[in-house]
PDB file of N, CA and C in Angstrom:
ATOM      1  N   LYS A   1     -16.990 -60.625-180.686  1.00  0.00           N
ATOM      2  CA  LYS A   1     -18.347 -60.283-180.316  1.00  0.00           C
ATOM      3  C   LYS A   1     -18.466 -58.762-180.288  1.00  0.00           C
ATOM      4  N   TRP A   2     -19.578 -58.269-180.779  1.00  0.00           N
ATOM      5  CA  TRP A   2     -19.841 -56.830-180.756  1.00  0.00           C
ATOM      6  C   TRP A   2     -20.711 -56.474-179.561  1.00  0.00           C
ATOM      7  N   LEU A   3     -20.326 -55.424-178.856  1.00  0.00           N
ATOM      8  CA  LEU A   3     -21.204 -54.842-177.849  1.00  0.00           C
ATOM      9  C   LEU A   3     -22.152 -53.911-178.593  1.00  0.00           C
ATOM     10  N   ARG A   4     -23.413 -53.974-178.278  1.00  0.00           N
ATOM     11  CA  ARG A   4     -24.444 -53.214-178.984  1.00  0.00           C
ATOM     12  C   ARG A   4     -24.922 -52.030-178.153  1.00  0.00           C
ATOM     13  N   ALA A   5     -25.333 -50.988-178.834  1.00  0.00           N
ATOM     14  CA  ALA A   5     -25.849 -49.791-178.166  1.00  0.00           C
ATOM     15  C   ALA A   5     -27.177 -50.119-177.484  1.00  0.00           C
ATOM     16  N   PRO A   6     -27.276 -49.890-176.176  1.00  0.00           N
ATOM     17  CA  PRO A   6     -28.533 -50.164-175.481  1.00  0.00           C
ATOM     18  C   PRO A   6     -29.612 -49.119-175.766  1.00  0.00           C
ATOM     19  N   VAL A   7     -29.191 -47.932-176.216  1.00  0.00           N
ATOM     20  CA  VAL A   7     -30.102 -46.833-176.540  1.00  0.00           C
ATOM     21  C   VAL A   7     -29.531 -46.063-177.727  1.00  0.00           C
ATOM     22  N   SER A   8     -30.327 -45.192-178.315  1.00  0.00           N
ATOM     23  CA  SER A   8     -29.854 -44.307-179.383  1.00  0.00           C
ATOM     24  C   SER A   8     -29.290 -43.032-178.771  1.00  0.00           C
ATOM     25  N   GLY A   9     -28.306 -42.426-179.452  1.00  0.00           N
ATOM     26  CA  GLY A   9     -27.731 -41.176-178.970  1.00  0.00           C
ATOM     27  C   GLY A   9     -26.321 -40.979-179.488  1.00  0.00           C
ATOM     28  N   PHE A  10     -25.527 -40.219-178.746  1.00  0.00           N
ATOM     29  CA  PHE A  10     -24.140 -39.923-179.104  1.00  0.00           C
ATOM     30  C   PHE A  10     -23.214 -40.857-178.337  1.00  0.00           C
ATOM     31  N   PHE A  11     -22.401 -41.627-179.083  1.00  0.00           N
ATOM     32  CA  PHE A  11     -21.515 -42.622-178.490  1.00  0.00           C
ATOM     33  C   PHE A  11     -20.164 -42.007-178.150  1.00  0.00           C
ATOM     34  N   HIS A  12     -19.697 -42.266-176.930  1.00  0.00           N
ATOM     35  CA  HIS A  12     -18.400 -41.785-176.446  1.00  0.00           C
ATOM     36  C   HIS A  12     -17.599 -42.979-175.935  1.00  0.00           C
ATOM     37  N   PRO A  13     -16.660 -43.519-176.756  1.00  0.00           N
ATOM     38  CA  PRO A  13     -15.859 -44.649-176.277  1.00  0.00           C
ATOM     39  C   PRO A  13     -14.923 -44.211-175.153  1.00  0.00           C
ATOM     40  N   GLN A  14     -14.656 -45.112-174.227  1.00  0.00           N
ATOM     41  CA  GLN A  14     -13.765 -44.825-173.107  1.00  0.00           C
ATOM     42  C   GLN A  14     -12.596 -45.800-173.067  1.00  0.00           C
ATOM     43  N   VAL A  15     -12.366 -46.490-174.183  1.00  0.00           N
ATOM     44  CA  VAL A  15     -11.264 -47.439-174.304  1.00  0.00           C
ATOM     45  C   VAL A  15     -10.589 -47.222-175.654  1.00  0.00           C
ATOM     46  N   GLN A  16      -9.451 -47.898-175.844  1.00  0.00           N
ATOM     47  CA  GLN A  16      -8.719 -47.812-177.100  1.00  0.00           C
ATOM     48  C   GLN A  16      -8.566 -49.203-177.688  1.00  0.00           C
ATOM     49  N   ILE A  17      -8.350 -49.268-178.996  1.00  0.00           N
ATOM     50  CA  ILE A  17      -8.120 -50.544-179.668  1.00  0.00           C
ATOM     51  C   ILE A  17      -6.880 -51.199-179.066  1.00  0.00           C
ATOM     52  N   GLY A  18      -6.989 -52.487-178.781  1.00  0.00           N
ATOM     53  CA  GLY A  18      -5.892 -53.244-178.192  1.00  0.00           C
ATOM     54  C   GLY A  18      -5.894 -53.263-176.674  1.00  0.00           C
ATOM     55  N   GLN A  19      -6.717 -52.450-176.082  1.00  0.00           N
ATOM     56  CA  GLN A  19      -6.773 -52.363-174.619  1.00  0.00           C
ATOM     57  C   GLN A  19      -7.456 -53.588-174.028  1.00  0.00           C
ATOM     58  N   GLN A  20      -6.915 -54.066-172.916  1.00  0.00           N
ATOM     59  CA  GLN A  20      -7.563 -55.147-172.183  1.00  0.00           C
ATOM     60  C   GLN A  20      -8.603 -54.534-171.255  1.00  0.00           C
ATOM     61  N   VAL A  21      -9.785 -55.124-171.224  1.00  0.00           N
ATOM     62  CA  VAL A  21     -10.851 -54.639-170.350  1.00  0.00           C
ATOM     63  C   VAL A  21     -11.285 -55.764-169.423  1.00  0.00           C
ATOM     64  N   GLY A  22     -11.780 -55.378-168.276  1.00  0.00           N
ATOM     65  CA  GLY A  22     -12.222 -56.354-167.290  1.00  0.00           C
ATOM     66  C   GLY A  22     -13.733 -56.496-167.268  1.00  0.00           C
ATOM     67  N   ARG A  23     -14.161 -57.556-166.628  1.00  0.00           N
ATOM     68  CA  ARG A  23     -15.601 -57.800-166.480  1.00  0.00           C
ATOM     69  C   ARG A  23     -16.251 -56.635-165.743  1.00  0.00           C
ATOM     70  N   ASP A  24     -17.396 -56.196-166.234  1.00  0.00           N
ATOM     71  CA  ASP A  24     -18.180 -55.097-165.665  1.00  0.00           C
ATOM     72  C   ASP A  24     -17.520 -53.726-165.810  1.00  0.00           C
ATOM     73  N   GLN A  25     -16.479 -53.620-166.649  1.00  0.00           N
ATOM     74  CA  GLN A  25     -15.835 -52.326-166.893  1.00  0.00           C
ATOM     75  C   GLN A  25     -16.654 -51.523-167.894  1.00  0.00           C
ATOM     76  N   VAL A  26     -16.799 -50.238-167.638  1.00  0.00           N
ATOM     77  CA  VAL A  26     -17.467 -49.340-168.588  1.00  0.00           C
ATOM     78  C   VAL A  26     -16.508 -49.099-169.751  1.00  0.00           C
ATOM     79  N   VAL A  27     -16.948 -49.421-170.968  1.00  0.00           N
ATOM     80  CA  VAL A  27     -16.104 -49.259-172.144  1.00  0.00           C
ATOM     81  C   VAL A  27     -16.541 -48.086-173.015  1.00  0.00           C
ATOM     82  N   GLY A  28     -17.684 -47.520-172.706  1.00  0.00           N
ATOM     83  CA  GLY A  28     -18.192 -46.367-173.438  1.00  0.00           C
ATOM     84  C   GLY A  28     -19.527 -45.947-172.859  1.00  0.00           C
ATOM     85  N   SER A  29     -20.008 -44.817-173.345  1.00  0.00           N
ATOM     86  CA  SER A  29     -21.316 -44.351-172.887  1.00  0.00           C
ATOM     87  C   SER A  29     -22.057 -43.711-174.058  1.00  0.00           C
ATOM     88  N   ILE A  30     -23.366 -43.671-173.922  1.00  0.00           N
ATOM     89  CA  ILE A  30     -24.224 -43.062-174.931  1.00  0.00           C
ATOM     90  C   ILE A  30     -25.079 -42.018-174.235  1.00  0.00           C
ATOM     91  N   CYS A  31     -25.000 -40.795-174.744  1.00  0.00           N
ATOM     92  CA  CYS A  31     -25.771 -39.683-174.172  1.00  0.00           C
ATOM     93  C   CYS A  31     -26.877 -39.287-175.138  1.00  0.00           C
ATOM     94  N   GLY A  32     -27.971 -38.830-174.581  1.00  0.00           N
ATOM     95  CA  GLY A  32     -29.083 -38.346-175.385  1.00  0.00           C
ATOM     96  C   GLY A  32     -28.726 -37.049-176.087  1.00  0.00           C
ATOM     97  N   PRO A  33     -29.434 -36.701-177.149  1.00  0.00           N
ATOM     98  CA  PRO A  33     -29.128 -35.501-177.924  1.00  0.00           C
ATOM     99  C   PRO A  33     -29.234 -34.205-177.122  1.00  0.00           C
ATOM    100  N   LEU A  34     -30.008 -34.211-176.068  1.00  0.00           N
ATOM    101  CA  LEU A  34     -30.136 -33.024-175.217  1.00  0.00           C
ATOM    102  C   LEU A  34     -29.455 -33.239-173.871  1.00  0.00           C
ATOM    103  N   ALA A  35     -28.580 -34.242-173.818  1.00  0.00           N
ATOM    104  CA  ALA A  35     -27.901 -34.628-172.575  1.00  0.00           C
ATOM    105  C   ALA A  35     -28.911 -34.944-171.479  1.00  0.00           C
ATOM    106  N   ASP A  36     -30.062 -35.473-171.906  1.00  0.00           N
ATOM    107  CA  ASP A  36     -31.121 -35.779-170.951  1.00  0.00           C
ATOM    108  C   ASP A  36     -31.007 -37.184-170.369  1.00  0.00           C
ATOM    109  N   TYR A  37     -30.100 -37.995-170.914  1.00  0.00           N
ATOM    110  CA  TYR A  37     -29.836 -39.310-170.335  1.00  0.00           C
ATOM    111  C   TYR A  37     -28.434 -39.763-170.710  1.00  0.00           C
ATOM    112  N   LYS A  38     -27.908 -40.713-169.949  1.00  0.00           N
ATOM    113  CA  LYS A  38     -26.603 -41.318-170.216  1.00  0.00           C
ATOM    114  C   LYS A  38     -26.703 -42.790-169.865  1.00  0.00           C
ATOM    115  N   GLU A  39     -26.310 -43.636-170.802  1.00  0.00           N
ATOM    116  CA  GLU A  39     -26.353 -45.087-170.604  1.00  0.00           C
ATOM    117  C   GLU A  39     -24.953 -45.637-170.866  1.00  0.00           C
ATOM    118  N   ASP A  40     -24.429 -46.440-169.949  1.00  0.00           N
ATOM    119  CA  ASP A  40     -23.094 -47.011-170.099  1.00  0.00           C
ATOM    120  C   ASP A  40     -23.132 -48.295-170.912  1.00  0.00           C
ATOM    121  N   CYS A  41     -22.050 -48.537-171.659  1.00  0.00           N
ATOM    122  CA  CYS A  41     -21.819 -49.812-172.340  1.00  0.00           C
ATOM    123  C   CYS A  41     -20.791 -50.554-171.493  1.00  0.00           C
ATOM    124  N   ILE A  42     -21.095 -51.775-171.102  1.00  0.00           N
ATOM    125  CA  ILE A  42     -20.285 -52.488-170.121  1.00  0.00           C
ATOM    126  C   ILE A  42     -19.811 -53.821-170.692  1.00  0.00           C
ATOM    127  N   ALA A  43     -18.516 -54.141-170.471  1.00  0.00           N
ATOM    128  CA  ALA A  43     -17.976 -55.443-170.859  1.00  0.00           C
ATOM    129  C   ALA A  43     -18.531 -56.505-169.917  1.00  0.00           C
ATOM    130  N   ILE A  44     -18.954 -57.627-170.482  1.00  0.00           N
ATOM    131  CA  ILE A  44     -19.535 -58.674-169.638  1.00  0.00           C
ATOM    132  C   ILE A  44     -18.512 -59.736-169.229  1.00  0.00           C
ATOM    133  N   LYS A  45     -17.323 -59.701-169.842  1.00  0.00           N
ATOM    134  CA  LYS A  45     -16.238 -60.632-169.508  1.00  0.00           C
ATOM    135  C   LYS A  45     -14.912 -59.908-169.686  1.00  0.00           C
ATOM    136  N   ASN A  46     -13.831 -60.512-169.192  1.00  0.00           N
ATOM    137  CA  ASN A  46     -12.495 -60.021-169.494  1.00  0.00           C
ATOM    138  C   ASN A  46     -12.268 -60.203-170.992  1.00  0.00           C
ATOM    139  N   ALA A  47     -11.727 -59.177-171.653  1.00  0.00           N
ATOM    140  CA  ALA A  47     -11.605 -59.227-173.107  1.00  0.00           C
ATOM    141  C   ALA A  47     -10.592 -58.194-173.591  1.00  0.00           C
ATOM    142  N   TYR A  48     -10.354 -58.206-174.904  1.00  0.00           N
ATOM    143  CA  TYR A  48      -9.523 -57.204-175.568  1.00  0.00           C
ATOM    144  C   TYR A  48     -10.380 -56.459-176.580  1.00  0.00           C
ATOM    145  N   VAL A  49     -10.148 -55.157-176.699  1.00  0.00           N
ATOM    146  CA  VAL A  49     -10.882 -54.335-177.666  1.00  0.00           C
ATOM    147  C   VAL A  49     -10.258 -54.543-179.043  1.00  0.00           C
ATOM    148  N   ILE A  50     -11.069 -54.962-179.997  1.00  0.00           N
ATOM    149  CA  ILE A  50     -10.610 -55.238-181.363  1.00  0.00           C
ATOM    150  C   ILE A  50     -10.878 -54.055-182.289  1.00  0.00           C
ATOM    151  N   SER A  51     -12.061 -53.469-182.194  1.00  0.00           N
ATOM    152  CA  SER A  51     -12.388 -52.298-183.009  1.00  0.00           C
ATOM    153  C   SER A  51     -13.468 -51.478-182.321  1.00  0.00           C
ATOM    154  N   ILE A  52     -13.565 -50.218-182.760  1.00  0.00           N
ATOM    155  CA  ILE A  52     -14.502 -49.268-182.161  1.00  0.00           C
ATOM    156  C   ILE A  52     -15.250 -48.556-183.284  1.00  0.00           C
ATOM    157  N   ASN A  53     -16.547 -48.434-183.134  1.00  0.00           N
ATOM    158  CA  ASN A  53     -17.369 -47.683-184.080  1.00  0.00           C
ATOM    159  C   ASN A  53     -17.012 -46.200-183.945  1.00  0.00           C
ATOM    160  N   ASN A  54     -16.556 -45.586-185.036  1.00  0.00           N
ATOM    161  CA  ASN A  54     -16.152 -44.176-185.006  1.00  0.00           C
ATOM    162  C   ASN A  54     -17.297 -43.211-185.282  1.00  0.00           C
ATOM    163  N   ASN A  55     -18.469 -43.738-185.610  1.00  0.00           N
ATOM    164  CA  ASN A  55     -19.618 -42.877-185.868  1.00  0.00           C
ATOM    165  C   ASN A  55     -20.155 -42.366-184.534  1.00  0.00           C
ATOM    166  N   PRO A  56     -20.192 -41.060-184.331  1.00  0.00           N
ATOM    167  CA  PRO A  56     -20.642 -40.546-183.031  1.00  0.00           C
ATOM    168  C   PRO A  56     -22.132 -40.742-182.769  1.00  0.00           C
ATOM    169  N   VAL A  57     -22.937 -40.888-183.826  1.00  0.00           N
ATOM    170  CA  VAL A  57     -24.376 -41.068-183.647  1.00  0.00           C
ATOM    171  C   VAL A  57     -24.707 -42.549-183.849  1.00  0.00           C
ATOM    172  N   VAL A  58     -25.337 -43.151-182.843  1.00  0.00           N
ATOM    173  CA  VAL A  58     -25.711 -44.560-182.930  1.00  0.00           C
ATOM    174  C   VAL A  58     -27.195 -44.727-182.614  1.00  0.00           C
ATOM    175  N   ASN A  59     -27.748 -45.779-183.167  1.00  0.00           N
ATOM    176  CA  ASN A  59     -29.124 -46.166-182.876  1.00  0.00           C
ATOM    177  C   ASN A  59     -29.109 -47.398-181.982  1.00  0.00           C
ATOM    178  N   ARG A  60     -30.170 -47.585-181.253  1.00  0.00           N
ATOM    179  CA  ARG A  60     -30.275 -48.754-180.385  1.00  0.00           C
ATOM    180  C   ARG A  60     -30.022 -50.020-181.207  1.00  0.00           C
ATOM    181  N   GLY A  61     -29.125 -50.873-180.717  1.00  0.00           N
ATOM    182  CA  GLY A  61     -28.792 -52.117-181.403  1.00  0.00           C
ATOM    183  C   GLY A  61     -27.588 -52.038-182.309  1.00  0.00           C
ATOM    184  N   ASP A  62     -27.089 -50.829-182.600  1.00  0.00           N
ATOM    185  CA  ASP A  62     -25.893 -50.695-183.435  1.00  0.00           C
ATOM    186  C   ASP A  62     -24.675 -51.273-182.719  1.00  0.00           C
ATOM    187  N   ALA A  63     -23.750 -51.834-183.497  1.00  0.00           N
ATOM    188  CA  ALA A  63     -22.490 -52.319-182.948  1.00  0.00           C
ATOM    189  C   ALA A  63     -21.625 -51.113-182.578  1.00  0.00           C
ATOM    190  N   VAL A  64     -21.107 -51.090-181.356  1.00  0.00           N
ATOM    191  CA  VAL A  64     -20.289 -49.952-180.935  1.00  0.00           C
ATOM    192  C   VAL A  64     -18.843 -50.340-180.642  1.00  0.00           C
ATOM    193  N   ILE A  65     -18.620 -51.486-180.018  1.00  0.00           N
ATOM    194  CA  ILE A  65     -17.259 -51.928-179.712  1.00  0.00           C
ATOM    195  C   ILE A  65     -17.169 -53.430-179.939  1.00  0.00           C
ATOM    196  N   GLN A  66     -16.128 -53.842-180.692  1.00  0.00           N
ATOM    197  CA  GLN A  66     -15.901 -55.267-180.909  1.00  0.00           C
ATOM    198  C   GLN A  66     -14.845 -55.737-179.923  1.00  0.00           C
ATOM    199  N   ILE A  67     -15.160 -56.820-179.213  1.00  0.00           N
ATOM    200  CA  ILE A  67     -14.221 -57.350-178.231  1.00  0.00           C
ATOM    201  C   ILE A  67     -13.976 -58.828-178.496  1.00  0.00           C
ATOM    202  N   ALA A  68     -12.791 -59.294-178.073  1.00  0.00           N
ATOM    203  CA  ALA A  68     -12.440 -60.711-178.185  1.00  0.00           C
ATOM    204  C   ALA A  68     -12.132 -61.221-176.791  1.00  0.00           C
ATOM    205  N   TYR A  69     -12.776 -62.307-176.442  1.00  0.00           N
ATOM    206  CA  TYR A  69     -12.528 -62.905-175.135  1.00  0.00           C
ATOM    207  C   TYR A  69     -11.258 -63.727-175.214  1.00  0.00           C
ATOM    208  N   GLY A  70     -10.464 -63.640-174.176  1.00  0.00           N
ATOM    209  CA  GLY A  70      -9.237 -64.407-174.213  1.00  0.00           C
ATOM    210  C   GLY A  70      -8.819 -64.713-172.867  1.00  0.00           C
TER     211      GLY A  70
END
């Protein structure tokens, strides 16, 4: 399952591929171009990080982190 960007801006992942993440853990954040806002991307279940979008600029709805529930 892909976690999607809740807003457009600059994506900053806070996890690594292969890392186990917990429910409600912040896995990345998206900041506005003028640092006028910051929105967290949060895991909704315990999971493993499979892949990460390396593009620093994302639009709302873009896939940012792929996770596998296990």
